[in-house]
Structures are given as C-alpha cells and as structure tokens.
PDB file of N, CA and C in Angstrom:
ATOM      1  N   MET A   1       2.528   5.987 -10.161  1.00  0.00           N
ATOM      2  CA  MET A   1       1.204   6.456 -10.634  1.00  0.00           C
ATOM      3  C   MET A   1       1.401   7.896 -11.003  1.00  0.00           C
ATOM      4  N   LYS A   2       0.942   8.266 -12.155  1.00  0.00           N
ATOM      5  CA  LYS A   2       0.770   9.652 -12.574  1.00  0.00           C
ATOM      6  C   LYS A   2      -0.262  10.364 -11.943  1.00  0.00           C
ATOM      7  N   VAL A   3      -0.058  11.498 -11.257  1.00  0.00           N
ATOM      8  CA  VAL A   3      -1.082  12.177 -10.553  1.00  0.00           C
ATOM      9  C   VAL A   3      -1.048  13.662 -11.003  1.00  0.00           C
ATOM     10  N   LYS A   4      -2.308  14.141 -11.481  1.00  0.00           N
ATOM     11  CA  LYS A   4      -2.268  15.555 -11.951  1.00  0.00           C
ATOM     12  C   LYS A   4      -3.221  16.241 -11.016  1.00  0.00           C
ATOM     13  N   ILE A   5      -2.834  17.368 -10.517  1.00  0.00           N
ATOM     14  CA  ILE A   5      -3.529  18.146  -9.498  1.00  0.00           C
ATOM     15  C   ILE A   5      -3.748  19.609 -10.010  1.00  0.00           C
ATOM     16  N   TYR A   6      -4.979  19.975  -9.924  1.00  0.00           N
ATOM     17  CA  TYR A   6      -5.471  21.305 -10.291  1.00  0.00           C
ATOM     18  C   TYR A   6      -4.727  22.299  -9.385  1.00  0.00           C
ATOM     19  N   ARG A   7      -4.137  23.355  -9.956  1.00  0.00           N
ATOM     20  CA  ARG A   7      -3.491  24.423  -9.205  1.00  0.00           C
ATOM     21  C   ARG A   7      -4.113  25.751  -9.444  1.00  0.00           C
ATOM     22  N   PHE A   8      -4.247  26.621  -8.538  1.00  0.00           N
ATOM     23  CA  PHE A   8      -4.895  27.957  -8.671  1.00  0.00           C
ATOM     24  C   PHE A   8      -4.764  28.633  -7.403  1.00  0.00           C
ATOM     25  N   ASP A   9      -4.416  29.933  -7.376  1.00  0.00           N
ATOM     26  CA  ASP A   9      -4.386  30.739  -6.135  1.00  0.00           C
ATOM     27  C   ASP A   9      -5.079  31.967  -6.390  1.00  0.00           C
ATOM     28  N   TYR A  10      -6.240  32.137  -5.759  1.00  0.00           N
ATOM     29  CA  TYR A  10      -7.089  33.293  -5.960  1.00  0.00           C
ATOM     30  C   TYR A  10      -6.300  34.662  -5.553  1.00  0.00           C
ATOM     31  N   SER A  11      -5.475  34.621  -4.540  1.00  0.00           N
ATOM     32  CA  SER A  11      -4.633  35.799  -4.142  1.00  0.00           C
ATOM     33  C   SER A  11      -3.686  36.148  -5.191  1.00  0.00           C
ATOM     34  N   GLN A  12      -3.297  35.331  -6.115  1.00  0.00           N
ATOM     35  CA  GLN A  12      -2.119  35.666  -7.041  1.00  0.00           C
ATOM     36  C   GLN A  12      -2.800  36.077  -8.484  1.00  0.00           C
ATOM     37  N   ASN A  13      -4.130  35.848  -8.650  1.00  0.00           N
ATOM     38  CA  ASN A  13      -4.809  36.265  -9.914  1.00  0.00           C
ATOM     39  C   ASN A  13      -4.063  35.649 -11.079  1.00  0.00           C
ATOM     40  N   LYS A  14      -3.732  34.434 -11.010  1.00  0.00           N
ATOM     41  CA  LYS A  14      -3.088  33.736 -12.164  1.00  0.00           C
ATOM     42  C   LYS A  14      -4.066  32.808 -12.699  1.00  0.00           C
ATOM     43  N   GLU A  15      -3.735  32.312 -13.910  1.00  0.00           N
ATOM     44  CA  GLU A  15      -4.535  31.280 -14.617  1.00  0.00           C
ATOM     45  C   GLU A  15      -4.353  30.037 -13.800  1.00  0.00           C
ATOM     46  N   SER A  16      -5.401  29.192 -13.887  1.00  0.00           N
ATOM     47  CA  SER A  16      -5.283  27.798 -13.221  1.00  0.00           C
ATOM     48  C   SER A  16      -4.473  26.909 -14.307  1.00  0.00           C
ATOM     49  N   TYR A  17      -3.964  25.845 -13.712  1.00  0.00           N
ATOM     50  CA  TYR A  17      -3.178  24.947 -14.503  1.00  0.00           C
ATOM     51  C   TYR A  17      -3.155  23.476 -13.690  1.00  0.00           C
ATOM     52  N   PHE A  18      -2.585  22.476 -14.356  1.00  0.00           N
ATOM     53  CA  PHE A  18      -2.361  21.173 -13.729  1.00  0.00           C
ATOM     54  C   PHE A  18      -0.812  21.021 -13.557  1.00  0.00           C
ATOM     55  N   ASP A  19      -0.571  20.542 -12.174  1.00  0.00           N
ATOM     56  CA  ASP A  19       0.828  20.068 -11.888  1.00  0.00           C
ATOM     57  C   ASP A  19       0.787  18.510 -12.053  1.00  0.00           C
ATOM     58  N   GLU A  20       1.830  17.964 -12.539  1.00  0.00           N
ATOM     59  CA  GLU A  20       1.892  16.460 -12.645  1.00  0.00           C
ATOM     60  C   GLU A  20       2.972  15.975 -11.755  1.00  0.00           C
ATOM     61  N   PHE A  21       2.769  14.815 -11.127  1.00  0.00           N
ATOM     62  CA  PHE A  21       3.745  14.126 -10.231  1.00  0.00           C
ATOM     63  C   PHE A  21       3.735  12.645 -10.543  1.00  0.00           C
ATOM     64  N   GLU A  22       4.821  12.024 -10.290  1.00  0.00           N
ATOM     65  CA  GLU A  22       4.887  10.512 -10.403  1.00  0.00           C
ATOM     66  C   GLU A  22       5.000  10.079  -9.018  1.00  0.00           C
ATOM     67  N   VAL A  23       4.015   9.341  -8.470  1.00  0.00           N
ATOM     68  CA  VAL A  23       4.095   8.972  -7.117  1.00  0.00           C
ATOM     69  C   VAL A  23       4.028   7.495  -7.040  1.00  0.00           C
ATOM     70  N   PRO A  24       5.086   6.894  -6.209  1.00  0.00           N
ATOM     71  CA  PRO A  24       5.266   5.446  -6.073  1.00  0.00           C
ATOM     72  C   PRO A  24       4.237   4.780  -5.049  1.00  0.00           C
ATOM     73  N   VAL A  25       3.117   4.681  -5.620  1.00  0.00           N
ATOM     74  CA  VAL A  25       1.920   4.125  -4.747  1.00  0.00           C
ATOM     75  C   VAL A  25       2.277   2.573  -4.629  1.00  0.00           C
ATOM     76  N   PRO A  26       2.325   2.095  -3.450  1.00  0.00           N
ATOM     77  CA  PRO A  26       2.741   0.692  -3.193  1.00  0.00           C
ATOM     78  C   PRO A  26       1.601  -0.166  -3.686  1.00  0.00           C
ATOM     79  N   LYS A  27       1.879  -1.351  -4.333  1.00  0.00           N
ATOM     80  CA  LYS A  27       0.976  -2.261  -4.816  1.00  0.00           C
ATOM     81  C   LYS A  27       0.501  -3.225  -3.655  1.00  0.00           C
ATOM     82  N   ASP A  28       1.190  -3.366  -2.632  1.00  0.00           N
ATOM     83  CA  ASP A  28       0.919  -4.365  -1.559  1.00  0.00           C
ATOM     84  C   ASP A  28       0.148  -3.632  -0.459  1.00  0.00           C
ATOM     85  N   LYS A  29      -0.193  -2.362  -0.525  1.00  0.00           N
ATOM     86  CA  LYS A  29      -0.973  -1.596   0.487  1.00  0.00           C
ATOM     87  C   LYS A  29      -1.904  -0.621  -0.245  1.00  0.00           C
ATOM     88  N   ASN A  30      -3.130  -0.593   0.248  1.00  0.00           N
ATOM     89  CA  ASN A  30      -3.971   0.374  -0.261  1.00  0.00           C
ATOM     90  C   ASN A  30      -3.719   1.759   0.258  1.00  0.00           C
ATOM     91  N   TRP A  31      -3.492   2.702  -0.666  1.00  0.00           N
ATOM     92  CA  TRP A  31      -3.390   4.076  -0.273  1.00  0.00           C
ATOM     93  C   TRP A  31      -4.680   4.929  -0.737  1.00  0.00           C
ATOM     94  N   THR A  32      -5.175   5.744   0.082  1.00  0.00           N
ATOM     95  CA  THR A  32      -6.234   6.586  -0.317  1.00  0.00           C
ATOM     96  C   THR A  32      -5.643   7.821  -1.078  1.00  0.00           C
ATOM     97  N   VAL A  33      -6.524   8.513  -1.644  1.00  0.00           N
ATOM     98  CA  VAL A  33      -6.143   9.705  -2.299  1.00  0.00           C
ATOM     99  C   VAL A  33      -5.508  10.762  -1.388  1.00  0.00           C
ATOM    100  N   MET A  34      -6.044  10.739  -0.124  1.00  0.00           N
ATOM    101  CA  MET A  34      -5.393  11.527   0.931  1.00  0.00           C
ATOM    102  C   MET A  34      -3.903  11.089   1.232  1.00  0.00           C
ATOM    103  N   ASP A  35      -3.600   9.813   1.123  1.00  0.00           N
ATOM    104  CA  ASP A  35      -2.224   9.301   1.308  1.00  0.00           C
ATOM    105  C   ASP A  35      -1.452   9.918   0.210  1.00  0.00           C
ATOM    106  N   VAL A  36      -1.913   9.854  -1.067  1.00  0.00           N
ATOM    107  CA  VAL A  36      -1.170  10.350  -2.225  1.00  0.00           C
ATOM    108  C   VAL A  36      -0.908  11.831  -2.076  1.00  0.00           C
ATOM    109  N   LEU A  37      -1.974  12.615  -1.679  1.00  0.00           N
ATOM    110  CA  LEU A  37      -1.703  14.026  -1.502  1.00  0.00           C
ATOM    111  C   LEU A  37      -0.724  14.276  -0.346  1.00  0.00           C
ATOM    112  N   ASP A  38      -0.852  13.542   0.729  1.00  0.00           N
ATOM    113  CA  ASP A  38       0.252  13.681   1.763  1.00  0.00           C
ATOM    114  C   ASP A  38       1.562  13.377   1.411  1.00  0.00           C
ATOM    115  N   TYR A  39       1.796  12.330   0.581  1.00  0.00           N
ATOM    116  CA  TYR A  39       3.053  12.016  -0.048  1.00  0.00           C
ATOM    117  C   TYR A  39       3.655  13.195  -0.752  1.00  0.00           C
ATOM    118  N   ILE A  40       2.831  13.653  -1.739  1.00  0.00           N
ATOM    119  CA  ILE A  40       3.263  14.720  -2.530  1.00  0.00           C
ATOM    120  C   ILE A  40       3.669  16.013  -1.629  1.00  0.00           C
ATOM    121  N   ALA A  41       2.756  16.286  -0.767  1.00  0.00           N
ATOM    122  CA  ALA A  41       2.970  17.520   0.206  1.00  0.00           C
ATOM    123  C   ALA A  41       4.359  17.242   1.070  1.00  0.00           C
ATOM    124  N   GLU A  42       4.560  16.154   1.468  1.00  0.00           N
ATOM    125  CA  GLU A  42       5.734  15.727   2.347  1.00  0.00           C
ATOM    126  C   GLU A  42       6.977  15.578   1.670  1.00  0.00           C
ATOM    127  N   THR A  43       6.995  15.173   0.351  1.00  0.00           N
ATOM    128  CA  THR A  43       8.135  14.692  -0.314  1.00  0.00           C
ATOM    129  C   THR A  43       8.566  15.481  -1.622  1.00  0.00           C
ATOM    130  N   MET A  44       7.499  16.088  -2.180  1.00  0.00           N
ATOM    131  CA  MET A  44       7.605  16.692  -3.523  1.00  0.00           C
ATOM    132  C   MET A  44       7.328  18.198  -3.687  1.00  0.00           C
ATOM    133  N   ASP A  45       6.106  18.545  -3.004  1.00  0.00           N
ATOM    134  CA  ASP A  45       5.764  20.030  -3.234  1.00  0.00           C
ATOM    135  C   ASP A  45       4.847  20.319  -1.948  1.00  0.00           C
ATOM    136  N   SER A  46       5.518  21.047  -1.069  1.00  0.00           N
ATOM    137  CA  SER A  46       4.806  21.352   0.165  1.00  0.00           C
ATOM    138  C   SER A  46       3.832  22.578  -0.118  1.00  0.00           C
ATOM    139  N   SER A  47       3.742  23.167  -1.233  1.00  0.00           N
ATOM    140  CA  SER A  47       2.837  24.275  -1.495  1.00  0.00           C
ATOM    141  C   SER A  47       1.495  23.831  -1.798  1.00  0.00           C
ATOM    142  N   ILE A  48       1.261  22.493  -2.102  1.00  0.00           N
ATOM    143  CA  ILE A  48      -0.096  22.117  -2.518  1.00  0.00           C
ATOM    144  C   ILE A  48      -1.113  22.292  -1.342  1.00  0.00           C
ATOM    145  N   SER A  49      -2.225  22.828  -1.718  1.00  0.00           N
ATOM    146  CA  SER A  49      -3.258  23.036  -0.665  1.00  0.00           C
ATOM    147  C   SER A  49      -4.425  22.113  -0.902  1.00  0.00           C
ATOM    148  N   TYR A  50      -4.811  21.424   0.152  1.00  0.00           N
ATOM    149  CA  TYR A  50      -5.926  20.535   0.220  1.00  0.00           C
ATOM    150  C   TYR A  50      -6.418  20.479   1.671  1.00  0.00           C
ATOM    151  N   TYR A  51      -7.642  19.953   1.842  1.00  0.00           N
ATOM    152  CA  TYR A  51      -8.131  19.810   3.284  1.00  0.00           C
ATOM    153  C   TYR A  51      -7.589  18.568   3.810  1.00  0.00           C
ATOM    154  N   LYS A  52      -6.956  18.748   4.983  1.00  0.00           N
ATOM    155  CA  LYS A  52      -6.456  17.493   5.746  1.00  0.00           C
ATOM    156  C   LYS A  52      -7.014  17.689   7.117  1.00  0.00           C
ATOM    157  N   HIS A  53      -7.759  16.937   7.682  1.00  0.00           N
ATOM    158  CA  HIS A  53      -8.327  17.053   8.909  1.00  0.00           C
ATOM    159  C   HIS A  53      -8.033  15.742   9.666  1.00  0.00           C
ATOM    160  N   SER A  54      -6.963  15.766  10.506  1.00  0.00           N
ATOM    161  CA  SER A  54      -6.462  14.661  11.107  1.00  0.00           C
ATOM    162  C   SER A  54      -7.366  14.004  12.086  1.00  0.00           C
ATOM    163  N   VAL A  55      -8.364  14.775  12.601  1.00  0.00           N
ATOM    164  CA  VAL A  55      -9.300  14.125  13.585  1.00  0.00           C
ATOM    165  C   VAL A  55     -10.240  13.303  12.916  1.00  0.00           C
ATOM    166  N   CYS A  56     -10.633  13.630  11.644  1.00  0.00           N
ATOM    167  CA  CYS A  56     -11.617  12.862  10.993  1.00  0.00           C
ATOM    168  C   CYS A  56     -10.957  11.644  10.212  1.00  0.00           C
ATOM    169  N   ASN A  57     -10.541  11.833   8.963  1.00  0.00           N
ATOM    170  CA  ASN A  57      -9.903  10.790   8.210  1.00  0.00           C
ATOM    171  C   ASN A  57     -10.766   9.552   8.104  1.00  0.00           C
ATOM    172  N   HIS A  58     -12.078   9.617   8.353  1.00  0.00           N
ATOM    173  CA  HIS A  58     -13.007   8.404   8.290  1.00  0.00           C
ATOM    174  C   HIS A  58     -14.194   8.636   7.543  1.00  0.00           C
ATOM    175  N   GLY A  59     -14.267   9.757   6.694  1.00  0.00           N
ATOM    176  CA  GLY A  59     -15.298  10.029   5.786  1.00  0.00           C
ATOM    177  C   GLY A  59     -16.465  10.630   6.599  1.00  0.00           C
ATOM    178  N   ILE A  60     -16.337  11.131   7.777  1.00  0.00           N
ATOM    179  CA  ILE A  60     -17.265  11.761   8.647  1.00  0.00           C
ATOM    180  C   ILE A  60     -17.646  13.193   8.344  1.00  0.00           C
ATOM    181  N   CYS A  61     -16.527  14.013   8.276  1.00  0.00           N
ATOM    182  CA  CYS A  61     -16.678  15.525   8.162  1.00  0.00           C
ATOM    183  C   CYS A  61     -16.995  15.982   6.770  1.00  0.00           C
ATOM    184  N   GLY A  62     -16.414  15.258   5.839  1.00  0.00           N
ATOM    185  CA  GLY A  62     -16.657  15.693   4.360  1.00  0.00           C
ATOM    186  C   GLY A  62     -15.772  16.809   3.897  1.00  0.00           C
ATOM    187  N   ARG A  63     -14.838  17.372   4.781  1.00  0.00           N
ATOM    188  CA  ARG A  63     -14.063  18.402   4.379  1.00  0.00           C
ATOM    189  C   ARG A  63     -13.096  18.134   3.137  1.00  0.00           C
ATOM    190  N   CYS A  64     -12.676  16.889   2.958  1.00  0.00           N
ATOM    191  CA  CYS A  64     -11.783  16.610   1.921  1.00  0.00           C
ATOM    192  C   CYS A  64     -12.377  16.219   0.646  1.00  0.00           C
ATOM    193  N   THR A  65     -13.629  16.602   0.445  1.00  0.00           N
ATOM    194  CA  THR A  65     -14.354  16.367  -0.816  1.00  0.00           C
ATOM    195  C   THR A  65     -13.647  17.002  -1.971  1.00  0.00           C
ATOM    196  N   LEU A  66     -13.433  16.289  -2.969  1.00  0.00           N
ATOM    197  CA  LEU A  66     -12.946  16.766  -4.173  1.00  0.00           C
ATOM    198  C   LEU A  66     -13.206  15.918  -5.384  1.00  0.00           C
ATOM    199  N   GLN A  67     -12.872  16.249  -6.631  1.00  0.00           N
ATOM    200  CA  GLN A  67     -13.092  15.405  -7.772  1.00  0.00           C
ATOM    201  C   GLN A  67     -11.960  14.488  -8.058  1.00  0.00           C
ATOM    202  N   VAL A  68     -12.184  13.214  -8.157  1.00  0.00           N
ATOM    203  CA  VAL A  68     -11.236  12.237  -8.549  1.00  0.00           C
ATOM    204  C   VAL A  68     -11.621  11.665  -9.834  1.00  0.00           C
ATOM    205  N   ASN A  69     -10.790  11.961 -10.904  1.00  0.00           N
ATOM    206  CA  ASN A  69     -11.075  11.570 -12.272  1.00  0.00           C
ATOM    207  C   ASN A  69     -12.508  11.948 -12.721  1.00  0.00           C
ATOM    208  N   GLY A  70     -12.967  13.167 -12.308  1.00  0.00           N
ATOM    209  CA  GLY A  70     -14.186  13.742 -12.629  1.00  0.00           C
ATOM    210  C   GLY A  70     -15.421  13.270 -11.775  1.00  0.00           C
ATOM    211  N   LYS A  71     -15.137  12.449 -10.761  1.00  0.00           N
ATOM    212  CA  LYS A  71     -16.246  12.076  -9.925  1.00  0.00           C
ATOM    213  C   LYS A  71     -15.928  12.579  -8.460  1.00  0.00           C
ATOM    214  N   VAL A  72     -17.043  13.072  -7.870  1.00  0.00           N
ATOM    215  CA  VAL A  72     -16.984  13.737  -6.637  1.00  0.00           C
ATOM    216  C   VAL A  72     -16.809  12.539  -5.514  1.00  0.00           C
ATOM    217  N   GLY A  73     -15.790  12.689  -4.719  1.00  0.00           N
ATOM    218  CA  GLY A  73     -15.443  11.681  -3.576  1.00  0.00           C
ATOM    219  C   GLY A  73     -14.842  12.341  -2.487  1.00  0.00           C
ATOM    220  N   LEU A  74     -14.566  11.463  -1.481  1.00  0.00           N
ATOM    221  CA  LEU A  74     -13.782  11.936  -0.297  1.00  0.00           C
ATOM    222  C   LEU A  74     -12.361  11.471  -0.526  1.00  0.00           C
ATOM    223  N   ALA A  75     -11.368  12.355  -0.308  1.00  0.00           N
ATOM    224  CA  ALA A  75     -10.060  11.941  -0.409  1.00  0.00           C
ATOM    225  C   ALA A  75      -9.550  10.968   0.596  1.00  0.00           C
ATOM    226  N   CYS A  76     -10.119  11.048   1.679  1.00  0.00           N
ATOM    227  CA  CYS A  76      -9.791   9.992   2.861  1.00  0.00           C
ATOM    228  C   CYS A  76     -10.391   8.689   2.774  1.00  0.00           C
ATOM    229  N   LEU A  77     -11.251   8.441   1.834  1.00  0.00           N
ATOM    230  CA  LEU A  77     -11.994   7.171   1.593  1.00  0.00           C
ATOM    231  C   LEU A  77     -11.685   6.469   0.224  1.00  0.00           C
ATOM    232  N   CYS A  78     -11.419   7.325  -0.735  1.00  0.00           N
ATOM    233  CA  CYS A  78     -11.202   6.965  -2.159  1.00  0.00           C
ATOM    234  C   CYS A  78      -9.806   6.183  -2.261  1.00  0.00           C
ATOM    235  N   VAL A  79      -9.967   4.972  -2.716  1.00  0.00           N
ATOM    236  CA  VAL A  79      -8.656   4.148  -2.769  1.00  0.00           C
ATOM    237  C   VAL A  79      -7.899   4.507  -4.176  1.00  0.00           C
ATOM    238  N   ALA A  80      -6.771   5.038  -3.879  1.00  0.00           N
ATOM    239  CA  ALA A  80      -5.909   5.425  -5.141  1.00  0.00           C
ATOM    240  C   ALA A  80      -5.581   4.274  -5.959  1.00  0.00           C
ATOM    241  N   ASN A  81      -5.364   3.073  -5.389  1.00  0.00           N
ATOM    242  CA  ASN A  81      -4.854   1.807  -6.008  1.00  0.00           C
ATOM    243  C   ASN A  81      -5.827   1.388  -7.088  1.00  0.00           C
ATOM    244  N   ASP A  82      -7.073   1.836  -7.004  1.00  0.00           N
ATOM    245  CA  ASP A  82      -8.122   1.411  -7.994  1.00  0.00           C
ATOM    246  C   ASP A  82      -7.922   2.118  -9.359  1.00  0.00           C
ATOM    247  N   TYR A  83      -6.934   3.064  -9.371  1.00  0.00           N
ATOM    248  CA  TYR A  83      -6.738   3.828 -10.677  1.00  0.00           C
ATOM    249  C   TYR A  83      -5.336   3.642 -11.174  1.00  0.00           C
ATOM    250  N   LYS A  84      -5.184   3.778 -12.466  1.00  0.00           N
ATOM    251  CA  LYS A  84      -3.952   3.858 -13.183  1.00  0.00           C
ATOM    252  C   LYS A  84      -3.304   5.085 -13.024  1.00  0.00           C
ATOM    253  N   GLU A  85      -4.040   6.162 -13.047  1.00  0.00           N
ATOM    254  CA  GLU A  85      -3.744   7.517 -13.030  1.00  0.00           C
ATOM    255  C   GLU A  85      -4.706   8.393 -12.223  1.00  0.00           C
ATOM    256  N   LEU A  86      -4.369   9.383 -11.736  1.00  0.00           N
ATOM    257  CA  LEU A  86      -5.328  10.275 -10.956  1.00  0.00           C
ATOM    258  C   LEU A  86      -5.382  11.715 -11.507  1.00  0.00           C
ATOM    259  N   THR A  87      -6.509  12.284 -11.656  1.00  0.00           N
ATOM    260  CA  THR A  87      -6.660  13.722 -11.923  1.00  0.00           C
ATOM    261  C   THR A  87      -7.564  14.363 -10.750  1.00  0.00           C
ATOM    262  N   LEU A  88      -7.005  15.127  -9.923  1.00  0.00           N
ATOM    263  CA  LEU A  88      -7.645  15.728  -8.803  1.00  0.00           C
ATOM    264  C   LEU A  88      -7.908  17.050  -8.976  1.00  0.00           C
ATOM    265  N   GLU A  89      -9.248  17.467  -8.840  1.00  0.00           N
ATOM    266  CA  GLU A  89      -9.694  18.794  -8.990  1.00  0.00           C
ATOM    267  C   GLU A  89     -10.526  19.178  -7.829  1.00  0.00           C
ATOM    268  N   PRO A  90     -10.850  20.496  -7.601  1.00  0.00           N
ATOM    269  CA  PRO A  90     -11.824  20.927  -6.566  1.00  0.00           C
ATOM    270  C   PRO A  90     -13.270  20.504  -6.984  1.00  0.00           C
ATOM    271  N   VAL A  91     -14.097  20.438  -6.014  1.00  0.00           N
ATOM    272  CA  VAL A  91     -15.430  20.237  -6.327  1.00  0.00           C
ATOM    273  C   VAL A  91     -16.067  21.128  -7.195  1.00  0.00           C
ATOM    274  N   PRO A  92     -17.013  20.796  -7.965  1.00  0.00           N
ATOM    275  CA  PRO A  92     -17.711  21.800  -8.807  1.00  0.00           C
ATOM    276  C   PRO A  92     -18.618  22.672  -8.039  1.00  0.00           C
ATOM    277  N   ASN A  93     -18.949  23.841  -8.624  1.00  0.00           N
ATOM    278  CA  ASN A  93     -19.819  24.755  -7.897  1.00  0.00           C
ATOM    279  C   ASN A  93     -19.298  25.392  -6.686  1.00  0.00           C
ATOM    280  N   GLY A  94     -18.004  25.209  -6.407  1.00  0.00           N
ATOM    281  CA  GLY A  94     -17.430  25.941  -5.336  1.00  0.00           C
ATOM    282  C   GLY A  94     -16.479  26.987  -5.896  1.00  0.00           C
ATOM    283  N   ASN A  95     -16.277  28.049  -4.990  1.00  0.00           N
ATOM    284  CA  ASN A  95     -15.332  29.127  -5.358  1.00  0.00           C
ATOM    285  C   ASN A  95     -13.874  28.692  -4.948  1.00  0.00           C
ATOM    286  N   VAL A  96     -13.061  28.461  -5.921  1.00  0.00           N
ATOM    287  CA  VAL A  96     -11.678  28.012  -5.528  1.00  0.00           C
ATOM    288  C   VAL A  96     -10.950  29.049  -4.827  1.00  0.00           C
ATOM    289  N   ILE A  97     -10.404  28.691  -3.694  1.00  0.00           N
ATOM    290  CA  ILE A  97      -9.617  29.739  -2.949  1.00  0.00           C
ATOM    291  C   ILE A  97      -8.059  29.353  -3.286  1.00  0.00           C
ATOM    292  N   LYS A  98      -7.730  28.199  -3.246  1.00  0.00           N
ATOM    293  CA  LYS A  98      -6.268  27.698  -3.636  1.00  0.00           C
ATOM    294  C   LYS A  98      -6.289  26.258  -3.844  1.00  0.00           C
ATOM    295  N   ASP A  99      -5.850  25.836  -5.000  1.00  0.00           N
ATOM    296  CA  ASP A  99      -5.826  24.428  -5.373  1.00  0.00           C
ATOM    297  C   ASP A  99      -7.019  23.773  -5.107  1.00  0.00           C
ATOM    298  N   LEU A 100      -7.011  22.869  -4.282  1.00  0.00           N
ATOM    299  CA  LEU A 100      -8.289  21.956  -4.093  1.00  0.00           C
ATOM    300  C   LEU A 100      -9.120  22.358  -3.025  1.00  0.00           C
ATOM    301  N   ILE A 101      -8.830  23.585  -2.457  1.00  0.00           N
ATOM    302  CA  ILE A 101      -9.704  24.162  -1.366  1.00  0.00           C
ATOM    303  C   ILE A 101     -10.645  25.179  -2.015  1.00  0.00           C
ATOM    304  N   VAL A 102     -11.948  25.024  -1.608  1.00  0.00           N
ATOM    305  CA  VAL A 102     -13.045  25.860  -2.172  1.00  0.00           C
ATOM    306  C   VAL A 102     -13.916  26.369  -0.927  1.00  0.00           C
ATOM    307  N   LYS A 103     -14.423  27.480  -1.211  1.00  0.00           N
ATOM    308  CA  LYS A 103     -15.464  28.106  -0.302  1.00  0.00           C
ATOM    309  C   LYS A 103     -16.685  27.779  -0.895  1.00  0.00           C
ATOM    310  N   ARG A 104     -17.534  26.993  -0.112  1.00  0.00           N
ATOM    311  CA  ARG A 104     -18.887  26.653  -0.472  1.00  0.00           C
ATOM    312  C   ARG A 104     -19.832  27.589  -0.016  1.00  0.00           C
ATOM    313  N   ALA A 105     -21.002  27.679  -0.909  1.00  0.00           N
ATOM    314  CA  ALA A 105     -22.004  28.664  -0.668  1.00  0.00           C
ATOM    315  C   ALA A 105     -22.945  28.119   0.474  1.00  0.00           C
TER     316      ALA A 105
END
C-alpha cells in the first residue's frame, strides 16, 4: 500500500512536504492506521512523529486524531485495509508542531 505522510517540523522552519512509503499491509489481517504508522516508524523511518498512546489504543483518549484521506478519524480505529492508498495529515485547525502532532487551542 502506498502511504503519503505530511511532514513538517516547526523547530526547523522548513516547508512542509509529503513523504511516501510502500507498506506491505497484510490482506489476511486488518491493520489500523496506527499499525501502518508503527510499521513505518519501526522499519522505515523512525523520525516520523505521531501520537502513540499505548494505554488507550481503543478510541477513548482521541490523541491519535488525524486526517485519513481528507477525513478526520482516529488512527487507532481507522482500518487501513479499507483503502488502496493512504494520505495522512494532521487535523485541520491545529498548530502543527511536527508531522502529525498538533497543538490544539
């Protein structure tokens, strides 16, 4: 699966851009968007920043909220297998600190 992730680092004062990854999402097992992000962070690019809250991971805390193909959702609940390709962006109306992490008002 092709995955595009919004990249930006406020501390670096650089322009935002999208990084692309090819992720082997298994067809016989449902992966969430969080599983995809974990795979990328663990095997491809450990510099990706996103909210990972191991205590929750059940859609309770809402920290992992982001945009998946333009729609706001929770990374821990959104099933990645439902898509042919993913574009992951920070939530709108948030001040981006780094990649998918925002400071909310």
